[in-house]
Amino acid sequence: MGKKRGRLDIVEDMLLAIQKKGGEIKPTHLMYKSNLSYKQMNIYLEELMEKDFVEKKKLDERELIVIKDRGYHFLSKIKEMRQFEETFGLDD
């Protein structure tokens, strides 16, 4: 059985899912791509909006989650951190 994802891993998964969809994603797609329940996704989404990583936008009748510059910056720092861990053999 695989290692349980931590909070940072979940946030990274969510932001990467949005990034891979061109910077915007429907909430249900984000839920599936991040492998979260509806309730879990909303908890993390609230936190990401509070930290100004993402925002919700209405487009016609659709709601979209859009990654913001601060979210992209966070993703780049996470990537640097993962590379650092790998370089020094700290990744499991």
C-alpha atoms as a PDB file:
ATOM      1  CA  MET A   1       0.000   0.000   0.000  1.00  0.00           C
ATOM      2  CA  GLY A   2       1.261   3.465  -0.904  1.00  0.00           C
ATOM      3  CA  LYS A   3       2.240   6.273   1.394  1.00  0.00           C
ATOM      4  CA  LYS A   4      -0.590   8.503   2.615  1.00  0.00           C
ATOM      5  CA  ARG A   5      -0.561  11.955   1.018  1.00  0.00           C
ATOM      6  CA  GLY A   6       0.177  14.863   3.252  1.00  0.00           C
ATOM      7  CA  ARG A   7      -1.403  18.300   3.160  1.00  0.00           C
ATOM      8  CA  LEU A   8       1.372  19.703   0.971  1.00  0.00           C
ATOM      9  CA  ASP A   9       1.001  16.826  -1.505  1.00  0.00           C
ATOM     10  CA  ILE A  10      -2.740  17.447  -1.792  1.00  0.00           C
ATOM     11  CA  VAL A  11      -2.279  21.178  -2.366  1.00  0.00           C
ATOM     12  CA  GLU A  12       0.363  20.422  -4.999  1.00  0.00           C
ATOM     13  CA  ASP A  13      -1.933  17.887  -6.703  1.00  0.00           C
ATOM     14  CA  MET A  14      -4.770  20.406  -6.816  1.00  0.00           C
ATOM     15  CA  LEU A  15      -2.642  23.224  -8.233  1.00  0.00           C
ATOM     16  CA  LEU A  16      -1.024  20.904 -10.787  1.00  0.00           C
ATOM     17  CA  ALA A  17      -4.448  19.680 -11.909  1.00  0.00           C
ATOM     18  CA  ILE A  18      -5.536  23.277 -12.522  1.00  0.00           C
ATOM     19  CA  GLN A  19      -2.269  24.135 -14.275  1.00  0.00           C
ATOM     20  CA  LYS A  20      -2.511  21.102 -16.576  1.00  0.00           C
ATOM     21  CA  LYS A  21      -6.006  22.213 -17.643  1.00  0.00           C
ATOM     22  CA  GLY A  22      -4.682  25.552 -18.890  1.00  0.00           C
ATOM     23  CA  GLY A  23      -5.035  27.391 -15.597  1.00  0.00           C
ATOM     24  CA  GLU A  24      -8.767  26.841 -15.086  1.00  0.00           C
ATOM     25  CA  ILE A  25     -10.859  23.824 -14.195  1.00  0.00           C
ATOM     26  CA  LYS A  26     -14.410  22.905 -13.258  1.00  0.00           C
ATOM     27  CA  PRO A  27     -14.802  22.036  -9.565  1.00  0.00           C
ATOM     28  CA  THR A  28     -15.930  18.461 -10.274  1.00  0.00           C
ATOM     29  CA  HIS A  29     -12.930  17.869 -12.539  1.00  0.00           C
ATOM     30  CA  LEU A  30     -10.635  19.225  -9.834  1.00  0.00           C
ATOM     31  CA  MET A  31     -12.221  16.870  -7.332  1.00  0.00           C
ATOM     32  CA  TYR A  32     -11.586  13.826  -9.533  1.00  0.00           C
ATOM     33  CA  LYS A  33      -8.100  14.865 -10.701  1.00  0.00           C
ATOM     34  CA  SER A  34      -7.043  15.527  -7.090  1.00  0.00           C
ATOM     35  CA  ASN A  35      -8.612  12.279  -5.864  1.00  0.00           C
ATOM     36  CA  LEU A  36     -10.598  14.007  -3.103  1.00  0.00           C
ATOM     37  CA  SER A  37     -14.131  13.831  -1.808  1.00  0.00           C
ATOM     38  CA  TYR A  38     -16.379  16.823  -2.368  1.00  0.00           C
ATOM     39  CA  LYS A  39     -16.073  17.835   1.287  1.00  0.00           C
ATOM     40  CA  GLN A  40     -12.274  17.495   1.324  1.00  0.00           C
ATOM     41  CA  MET A  41     -11.919  19.452  -1.898  1.00  0.00           C
ATOM     42  CA  ASN A  42     -13.971  22.336  -0.527  1.00  0.00           C
ATOM     43  CA  ILE A  43     -11.898  22.489   2.661  1.00  0.00           C
ATOM     44  CA  TYR A  44      -8.665  22.725   0.657  1.00  0.00           C
ATOM     45  CA  LEU A  45     -10.227  25.069  -1.887  1.00  0.00           C
ATOM     46  CA  GLU A  46     -11.240  27.513   0.843  1.00  0.00           C
ATOM     47  CA  GLU A  47      -7.677  27.536   2.117  1.00  0.00           C
ATOM     48  CA  LEU A  48      -6.245  28.044  -1.375  1.00  0.00           C
ATOM     49  CA  MET A  49      -8.588  30.990  -1.929  1.00  0.00           C
ATOM     50  CA  GLU A  50      -7.679  32.494   1.458  1.00  0.00           C
ATOM     51  CA  LYS A  51      -3.994  32.262   0.531  1.00  0.00           C
ATOM     52  CA  ASP A  52      -4.735  33.879  -2.869  1.00  0.00           C
ATOM     53  CA  PHE A  53      -3.524  30.812  -4.835  1.00  0.00           C
ATOM     54  CA  VAL A  54      -6.809  30.369  -6.708  1.00  0.00           C
ATOM     55  CA  GLU A  55     -10.113  32.125  -7.296  1.00  0.00           C
ATOM     56  CA  LYS A  56     -13.582  31.091  -8.364  1.00  0.00           C
ATOM     57  CA  LYS A  57     -14.985  32.644 -11.525  1.00  0.00           C
ATOM     58  CA  LYS A  58     -18.424  32.449 -13.085  1.00  0.00           C
ATOM     59  CA  LEU A  59     -18.522  31.958 -16.834  1.00  0.00           C
ATOM     60  CA  ASP A  60     -22.101  31.907 -18.085  1.00  0.00           C
ATOM     61  CA  GLU A  61     -23.682  29.214 -15.917  1.00  0.00           C
ATOM     62  CA  ARG A  62     -20.386  27.453 -15.182  1.00  0.00           C
ATOM     63  CA  GLU A  63     -18.159  27.920 -12.190  1.00  0.00           C
ATOM     64  CA  LEU A  64     -14.415  27.637 -12.758  1.00  0.00           C
ATOM     65  CA  ILE A  65     -11.464  27.459 -10.409  1.00  0.00           C
ATOM     66  CA  VAL A  66      -8.619  29.610 -11.752  1.00  0.00           C
ATOM     67  CA  ILE A  67      -5.016  29.486 -10.569  1.00  0.00           C
ATOM     68  CA  LYS A  68      -3.483  32.870  -9.760  1.00  0.00           C
ATOM     69  CA  ASP A  69       0.115  34.097  -9.997  1.00  0.00           C
ATOM     70  CA  ARG A  70       0.698  33.305  -6.335  1.00  0.00           C
ATOM     71  CA  GLY A  71      -0.420  29.702  -7.017  1.00  0.00           C
ATOM     72  CA  TYR A  72       2.007  29.371  -9.929  1.00  0.00           C
ATOM     73  CA  HIS A  73       4.787  30.782  -7.750  1.00  0.00           C
ATOM     74  CA  PHE A  74       3.967  28.261  -5.016  1.00  0.00           C
ATOM     75  CA  LEU A  75       4.135  25.407  -7.561  1.00  0.00           C
ATOM     76  CA  SER A  76       7.581  26.523  -8.743  1.00  0.00           C
ATOM     77  CA  LYS A  77       8.843  26.605  -5.135  1.00  0.00           C
ATOM     78  CA  ILE A  78       7.423  23.126  -4.481  1.00  0.00           C
ATOM     79  CA  LYS A  79       9.242  21.866  -7.595  1.00  0.00           C
ATOM     80  CA  GLU A  80      12.507  23.372  -6.305  1.00  0.00           C
ATOM     81  CA  MET A  81      11.937  21.727  -2.936  1.00  0.00           C
ATOM     82  CA  ARG A  82      11.279  18.311  -4.542  1.00  0.00           C
ATOM     83  CA  GLN A  83      14.464  18.648  -6.613  1.00  0.00           C
ATOM     84  CA  PHE A  84      16.419  19.555  -3.480  1.00  0.00           C
ATOM     85  CA  GLU A  85      15.067  16.487  -1.660  1.00  0.00           C
ATOM     86  CA  GLU A  86      15.974  14.294  -4.630  1.00  0.00           C
ATOM     87  CA  THR A  87      19.485  15.751  -4.944  1.00  0.00           C
ATOM     88  CA  PHE A  88      20.292  14.961  -1.323  1.00  0.00           C
ATOM     89  CA  GLY A  89      18.498  11.618  -1.228  1.00  0.00           C
ATOM     90  CA  LEU A  90      15.779  12.815   1.101  1.00  0.00           C
ATOM     91  CA  ASP A  91      12.872  11.632  -1.042  1.00  0.00           C
ATOM     92  CA  ASP A  92      11.292   8.308  -0.127  1.00  0.00           C
END
